[in-house]
Every structure is written in C-alpha cells, then in structure tokens.
Amino acid sequence: MMVLMEINKGDPTAVDERKKAILDVPILDITQESEFLAEAILREGLIPERFGEDSLHIALASVNGMDYLLTWNFRHLNNALTKTHIERFVEKQGYIPPVVCSPDELLGDSA
C-alpha cells in the first residue's frame, strides 16, 4: 500500500509509467510482524526516525521473503555502510534481508 501511495505522486505521465511498471508486482500487506520489525529498526537507529516509512519497506520485504528492495535512496538505504548494518540486524531478528539496490543496479545494462 505504501508503494501505491508513493507512485501516485508527481508528474501524471511518470505516475502512469510507474503504475504500469508494477502491474505484476505483489502488494504486501502491513502486518503486526512487519510493524514490529520496522519499529526495531528505528529503535536501533539504523534508519532516521523521520524516514520511518523506509524502515517499514525494509521490514515488509524481510518478513515476506522478498529477494530485492529497489530504491533510489542512496542517503540512508542504498549505501554500503547502512546496508551492512541493516542486513546484520535483520538477520539477528531471524529474517533473511532483501538485497537493497537501485533499479539500475538490478537491471544492469539490460534496462
């Protein structure tokens, strides 16, 4: 649901393109389990409190066993130091963390 709200922001043409891009992507429900993990990520200081939605993105992907979490956020999600700390913490909580990367990193030259 969070992604749906995010992709509806901005330029209408870009919104339409983003909607088409996720047609076959499963929508993950926010559960109590994912909320608990997101809160734990914030308590650990792994994601700044004001970006709580990002901790929920990580938690949802982890709880649901997603392989990848795509983001353009290089400040506090997709950077080597942050990713390492988040991965270790998520693993300690009993989950396999997703690979956090940008769409370009995932698709390489095939995009």
N, C-alpha and C. Protein backbone atom coordinates (compact mmCIF):
# COMPACT_ATOMS: atom_id res chain seq x y z
N MET A 1 0.81 -1.20 0.00
CA MET A 1 0.00 0.00 0.00
C MET A 1 0.85 1.26 0.00
N MET A 2 1.96 1.24 0.75
CA MET A 2 2.82 2.42 0.81
C MET A 2 3.36 2.77 -0.56
N VAL A 3 3.79 1.75 -1.30
CA VAL A 3 4.34 2.00 -2.63
C VAL A 3 3.27 2.59 -3.54
N LEU A 4 2.05 2.10 -3.43
CA LEU A 4 0.97 2.64 -4.26
C LEU A 4 0.75 4.12 -3.99
N MET A 5 0.82 4.52 -2.73
CA MET A 5 0.67 5.94 -2.40
C MET A 5 1.84 6.74 -2.95
N GLU A 6 3.04 6.20 -2.86
CA GLU A 6 4.23 6.91 -3.33
C GLU A 6 4.25 7.08 -4.84
N ILE A 7 3.85 6.03 -5.58
CA ILE A 7 3.93 6.14 -7.03
C ILE A 7 2.87 7.05 -7.61
N ASN A 8 1.87 7.42 -6.84
CA ASN A 8 0.82 8.32 -7.32
C ASN A 8 1.18 9.79 -7.15
N LYS A 9 2.38 10.06 -6.69
CA LYS A 9 2.81 11.45 -6.50
C LYS A 9 3.59 11.93 -7.72
N GLY A 10 3.45 13.21 -8.03
CA GLY A 10 4.27 13.81 -9.07
C GLY A 10 3.60 13.90 -10.41
N ASP A 11 4.44 14.00 -11.41
CA ASP A 11 4.02 14.18 -12.80
C ASP A 11 3.08 13.05 -13.24
N PRO A 12 1.91 13.40 -13.79
CA PRO A 12 0.93 12.38 -14.20
C PRO A 12 1.48 11.35 -15.19
N THR A 13 2.33 11.77 -16.11
CA THR A 13 2.91 10.82 -17.06
C THR A 13 3.81 9.84 -16.34
N ALA A 14 4.62 10.34 -15.41
CA ALA A 14 5.50 9.47 -14.63
C ALA A 14 4.68 8.53 -13.74
N VAL A 15 3.58 9.04 -13.21
CA VAL A 15 2.69 8.21 -12.38
C VAL A 15 2.17 7.04 -13.22
N ASP A 16 1.72 7.32 -14.42
CA ASP A 16 1.21 6.26 -15.31
C ASP A 16 2.30 5.22 -15.61
N GLU A 17 3.52 5.69 -15.86
CA GLU A 17 4.63 4.78 -16.15
C GLU A 17 4.95 3.91 -14.95
N ARG A 18 4.93 4.50 -13.76
CA ARG A 18 5.22 3.73 -12.54
C ARG A 18 4.13 2.69 -12.29
N LYS A 19 2.88 3.07 -12.52
CA LYS A 19 1.78 2.12 -12.34
C LYS A 19 1.92 0.93 -13.28
N LYS A 20 2.29 1.19 -14.53
CA LYS A 20 2.48 0.10 -15.48
C LYS A 20 3.63 -0.82 -15.06
N ALA A 21 4.67 -0.21 -14.50
CA ALA A 21 5.86 -0.97 -14.11
C ALA A 21 5.59 -1.96 -12.99
N ILE A 22 4.56 -1.71 -12.17
CA ILE A 22 4.32 -2.60 -11.03
C ILE A 22 3.08 -3.48 -11.20
N LEU A 23 2.54 -3.56 -12.39
CA LEU A 23 1.33 -4.35 -12.61
C LEU A 23 1.45 -5.79 -12.12
N ASP A 24 2.61 -6.40 -12.30
CA ASP A 24 2.79 -7.80 -11.93
C ASP A 24 3.53 -7.98 -10.60
N VAL A 25 3.68 -6.89 -9.86
CA VAL A 25 4.39 -6.95 -8.59
C VAL A 25 3.38 -7.19 -7.47
N PRO A 26 3.65 -8.16 -6.58
CA PRO A 26 2.70 -8.41 -5.49
C PRO A 26 2.65 -7.23 -4.50
N ILE A 27 1.48 -6.97 -3.99
CA ILE A 27 1.29 -5.93 -2.97
C ILE A 27 1.36 -6.60 -1.61
N LEU A 28 2.26 -6.15 -0.77
CA LEU A 28 2.46 -6.75 0.54
C LEU A 28 1.63 -6.03 1.59
N ASP A 29 0.95 -6.81 2.42
CA ASP A 29 0.15 -6.24 3.49
C ASP A 29 1.03 -5.89 4.68
N ILE A 30 0.73 -4.76 5.30
CA ILE A 30 1.42 -4.38 6.52
C ILE A 30 0.82 -5.21 7.66
N THR A 31 1.67 -6.01 8.27
CA THR A 31 1.23 -6.88 9.36
C THR A 31 1.85 -6.42 10.67
N GLN A 32 1.37 -6.98 11.76
CA GLN A 32 1.94 -6.66 13.07
C GLN A 32 3.42 -7.06 13.11
N GLU A 33 3.73 -8.18 12.49
CA GLU A 33 5.12 -8.66 12.45
C GLU A 33 6.02 -7.65 11.73
N SER A 34 5.56 -7.15 10.59
CA SER A 34 6.37 -6.17 9.84
C SER A 34 6.46 -4.85 10.60
N GLU A 35 5.39 -4.46 11.28
CA GLU A 35 5.43 -3.23 12.07
C GLU A 35 6.42 -3.35 13.22
N PHE A 36 6.46 -4.52 13.89
CA PHE A 36 7.41 -4.73 14.99
C PHE A 36 8.85 -4.64 14.49
N LEU A 37 9.13 -5.26 13.34
CA LEU A 37 10.48 -5.21 12.80
C LEU A 37 10.85 -3.79 12.40
N ALA A 38 9.93 -3.07 11.79
CA ALA A 38 10.18 -1.68 11.40
C ALA A 38 10.50 -0.83 12.62
N GLU A 39 9.73 -1.01 13.69
CA GLU A 39 9.97 -0.25 14.92
C GLU A 39 11.33 -0.60 15.51
N ALA A 40 11.71 -1.87 15.45
CA ALA A 40 13.01 -2.30 15.97
C ALA A 40 14.15 -1.66 15.17
N ILE A 41 13.98 -1.59 13.86
CA ILE A 41 14.99 -0.95 13.00
C ILE A 41 15.16 0.52 13.39
N LEU A 42 14.05 1.18 13.66
CA LEU A 42 14.11 2.59 14.08
C LEU A 42 14.76 2.72 15.45
N ARG A 43 14.38 1.85 16.39
CA ARG A 43 14.95 1.90 17.75
C ARG A 43 16.47 1.72 17.71
N GLU A 44 16.94 0.89 16.81
CA GLU A 44 18.38 0.65 16.66
C GLU A 44 19.09 1.84 16.03
N GLY A 45 18.32 2.77 15.48
CA GLY A 45 18.92 3.95 14.84
C GLY A 45 19.48 3.65 13.46
N LEU A 46 19.02 2.57 12.85
CA LEU A 46 19.52 2.20 11.53
C LEU A 46 18.95 3.06 10.42
N ILE A 47 17.76 3.57 10.64
CA ILE A 47 17.09 4.50 9.73
C ILE A 47 16.67 5.70 10.58
N PRO A 48 16.88 6.92 10.09
CA PRO A 48 16.43 8.09 10.86
C PRO A 48 14.92 8.04 11.12
N GLU A 49 14.52 8.43 12.30
CA GLU A 49 13.12 8.39 12.73
C GLU A 49 12.19 9.07 11.72
N ARG A 50 12.63 10.16 11.14
CA ARG A 50 11.75 10.90 10.22
C ARG A 50 11.51 10.16 8.90
N PHE A 51 12.28 9.08 8.68
CA PHE A 51 12.10 8.26 7.49
C PHE A 51 11.58 6.88 7.87
N GLY A 52 10.64 6.87 8.79
CA GLY A 52 10.08 5.63 9.29
C GLY A 52 9.48 4.74 8.22
N GLU A 53 8.96 5.33 7.16
CA GLU A 53 8.40 4.53 6.07
C GLU A 53 9.46 3.64 5.44
N ASP A 54 10.70 4.12 5.41
CA ASP A 54 11.77 3.31 4.83
C ASP A 54 12.06 2.08 5.69
N SER A 55 11.96 2.23 7.01
CA SER A 55 12.16 1.06 7.86
C SER A 55 11.03 0.05 7.63
N LEU A 56 9.83 0.54 7.33
CA LEU A 56 8.72 -0.36 7.04
C LEU A 56 8.93 -1.06 5.69
N HIS A 57 9.49 -0.36 4.72
CA HIS A 57 9.81 -1.01 3.44
C HIS A 57 10.76 -2.18 3.67
N ILE A 58 11.80 -1.94 4.46
CA ILE A 58 12.78 -2.99 4.75
C ILE A 58 12.09 -4.15 5.47
N ALA A 59 11.28 -3.82 6.47
CA ALA A 59 10.60 -4.84 7.26
C ALA A 59 9.65 -5.66 6.41
N LEU A 60 8.87 -5.01 5.58
CA LEU A 60 7.93 -5.73 4.72
C LEU A 60 8.66 -6.69 3.78
N ALA A 61 9.73 -6.21 3.18
CA ALA A 61 10.49 -7.06 2.27
C ALA A 61 11.11 -8.24 3.02
N SER A 62 11.60 -8.00 4.22
CA SER A 62 12.24 -9.05 5.01
C SER A 62 11.23 -10.09 5.49
N VAL A 63 10.15 -9.63 6.08
CA VAL A 63 9.13 -10.52 6.63
C VAL A 63 8.50 -11.37 5.53
N ASN A 64 8.37 -10.81 4.34
CA ASN A 64 7.73 -11.51 3.23
C ASN A 64 8.70 -12.27 2.33
N GLY A 65 9.97 -12.30 2.71
CA GLY A 65 10.94 -13.07 1.95
C GLY A 65 11.24 -12.55 0.56
N MET A 66 11.15 -11.24 0.38
CA MET A 66 11.45 -10.66 -0.93
C MET A 66 12.96 -10.72 -1.18
N ASP A 67 13.33 -10.97 -2.40
CA ASP A 67 14.75 -11.06 -2.75
C ASP A 67 15.40 -9.68 -2.85
N TYR A 68 14.65 -8.69 -3.34
CA TYR A 68 15.20 -7.37 -3.58
C TYR A 68 14.29 -6.28 -3.03
N LEU A 69 14.91 -5.18 -2.63
CA LEU A 69 14.21 -3.95 -2.28
C LEU A 69 14.84 -2.87 -3.13
N LEU A 70 14.08 -2.37 -4.10
CA LEU A 70 14.60 -1.36 -5.02
C LEU A 70 14.36 0.03 -4.47
N THR A 71 15.38 0.86 -4.57
CA THR A 71 15.27 2.23 -4.07
C THR A 71 16.27 3.13 -4.79
N TRP A 72 15.89 4.40 -4.89
CA TRP A 72 16.80 5.42 -5.37
C TRP A 72 17.40 6.17 -4.20
N ASN A 73 17.07 5.76 -2.99
CA ASN A 73 17.53 6.46 -1.79
C ASN A 73 18.95 6.01 -1.44
N PHE A 74 19.93 6.81 -1.83
CA PHE A 74 21.33 6.48 -1.56
C PHE A 74 21.81 7.08 -0.24
N ARG A 75 21.00 7.91 0.39
CA ARG A 75 21.41 8.56 1.62
C ARG A 75 21.35 7.61 2.82
N HIS A 76 20.19 7.01 3.06
CA HIS A 76 20.08 6.17 4.26
C HIS A 76 19.55 4.77 4.00
N LEU A 77 19.47 4.37 2.76
CA LEU A 77 19.07 2.99 2.46
C LEU A 77 20.11 2.28 1.60
N ASN A 78 20.37 2.82 0.45
CA ASN A 78 21.23 2.14 -0.52
C ASN A 78 22.65 2.68 -0.49
N ASN A 79 23.29 2.52 0.66
CA ASN A 79 24.72 2.82 0.74
C ASN A 79 25.40 1.71 1.52
N ALA A 80 26.65 1.47 1.24
CA ALA A 80 27.35 0.29 1.75
C ALA A 80 27.30 0.18 3.27
N LEU A 81 27.55 1.26 3.99
CA LEU A 81 27.59 1.20 5.44
C LEU A 81 26.22 0.90 6.04
N THR A 82 25.22 1.62 5.59
CA THR A 82 23.86 1.43 6.12
C THR A 82 23.35 0.03 5.78
N LYS A 83 23.54 -0.39 4.54
CA LYS A 83 23.05 -1.71 4.13
C LYS A 83 23.65 -2.82 4.99
N THR A 84 24.93 -2.72 5.28
CA THR A 84 25.59 -3.75 6.08
C THR A 84 24.98 -3.83 7.47
N HIS A 85 24.77 -2.70 8.11
CA HIS A 85 24.20 -2.68 9.46
C HIS A 85 22.76 -3.20 9.45
N ILE A 86 22.00 -2.79 8.46
CA ILE A 86 20.61 -3.25 8.36
C ILE A 86 20.56 -4.76 8.13
N GLU A 87 21.37 -5.25 7.22
CA GLU A 87 21.40 -6.69 6.94
C GLU A 87 21.71 -7.49 8.19
N ARG A 88 22.73 -7.09 8.93
CA ARG A 88 23.11 -7.81 10.14
C ARG A 88 21.99 -7.79 11.18
N PHE A 89 21.36 -6.63 11.33
CA PHE A 89 20.29 -6.52 12.32
C PHE A 89 19.09 -7.39 11.93
N VAL A 90 18.70 -7.32 10.68
CA VAL A 90 17.55 -8.10 10.20
C VAL A 90 17.83 -9.60 10.37
N GLU A 91 19.04 -10.02 10.07
CA GLU A 91 19.42 -11.43 10.26
C GLU A 91 19.33 -11.83 11.74
N LYS A 92 19.77 -10.96 12.63
CA LYS A 92 19.69 -11.24 14.07
C LYS A 92 18.25 -11.38 14.54
N GLN A 93 17.33 -10.76 13.80
CA GLN A 93 15.91 -10.86 14.15
C GLN A 93 15.28 -12.12 13.56
N GLY A 94 16.07 -12.90 12.83
CA GLY A 94 15.58 -14.16 12.29
C GLY A 94 15.07 -14.12 10.86
N TYR A 95 15.37 -13.06 10.14
CA TYR A 95 14.90 -12.92 8.76
C TYR A 95 16.09 -12.89 7.81
N ILE A 96 15.81 -13.19 6.56
CA ILE A 96 16.81 -13.02 5.51
C ILE A 96 16.52 -11.66 4.87
N PRO A 97 17.46 -10.73 4.97
CA PRO A 97 17.21 -9.39 4.42
C PRO A 97 17.22 -9.40 2.90
N PRO A 98 16.45 -8.50 2.30
CA PRO A 98 16.50 -8.39 0.84
C PRO A 98 17.79 -7.70 0.42
N VAL A 99 18.16 -7.89 -0.82
CA VAL A 99 19.26 -7.12 -1.39
C VAL A 99 18.71 -5.74 -1.68
N VAL A 100 19.30 -4.72 -1.09
CA VAL A 100 18.88 -3.34 -1.32
C VAL A 100 19.72 -2.79 -2.46
N CYS A 101 19.05 -2.35 -3.53
CA CYS A 101 19.78 -1.83 -4.68
C CYS A 101 18.86 -0.91 -5.49
N SER A 102 19.48 -0.18 -6.40
CA SER A 102 18.69 0.68 -7.30
C SER A 102 18.21 -0.17 -8.47
N PRO A 103 17.16 0.30 -9.18
CA PRO A 103 16.73 -0.43 -10.37
C PRO A 103 17.87 -0.61 -11.38
N ASP A 104 18.72 0.41 -11.52
CA ASP A 104 19.85 0.30 -12.45
C ASP A 104 20.82 -0.79 -12.03
N GLU A 105 21.07 -0.90 -10.74
CA GLU A 105 21.97 -1.94 -10.24
C GLU A 105 21.39 -3.33 -10.51
N LEU A 106 20.09 -3.47 -10.34
CA LEU A 106 19.45 -4.76 -10.56
C LEU A 106 19.43 -5.15 -12.03
N LEU A 107 19.08 -4.19 -12.88
CA LEU A 107 18.91 -4.48 -14.30
C LEU A 107 20.20 -4.41 -15.10
N GLY A 108 21.20 -3.71 -14.58
CA GLY A 108 22.46 -3.57 -15.31
C GLY A 108 22.27 -2.89 -16.63
N ASP A 109 22.90 -3.40 -17.66
CA ASP A 109 22.84 -2.79 -18.99
C ASP A 109 21.60 -3.17 -19.76
N SER A 110 20.75 -4.05 -19.23
CA SER A 110 19.59 -4.51 -19.98
C SER A 110 18.41 -3.56 -19.92
N ALA A 111 18.51 -2.50 -19.14
CA ALA A 111 17.39 -1.56 -18.98
C ALA A 111 17.21 -0.70 -20.21
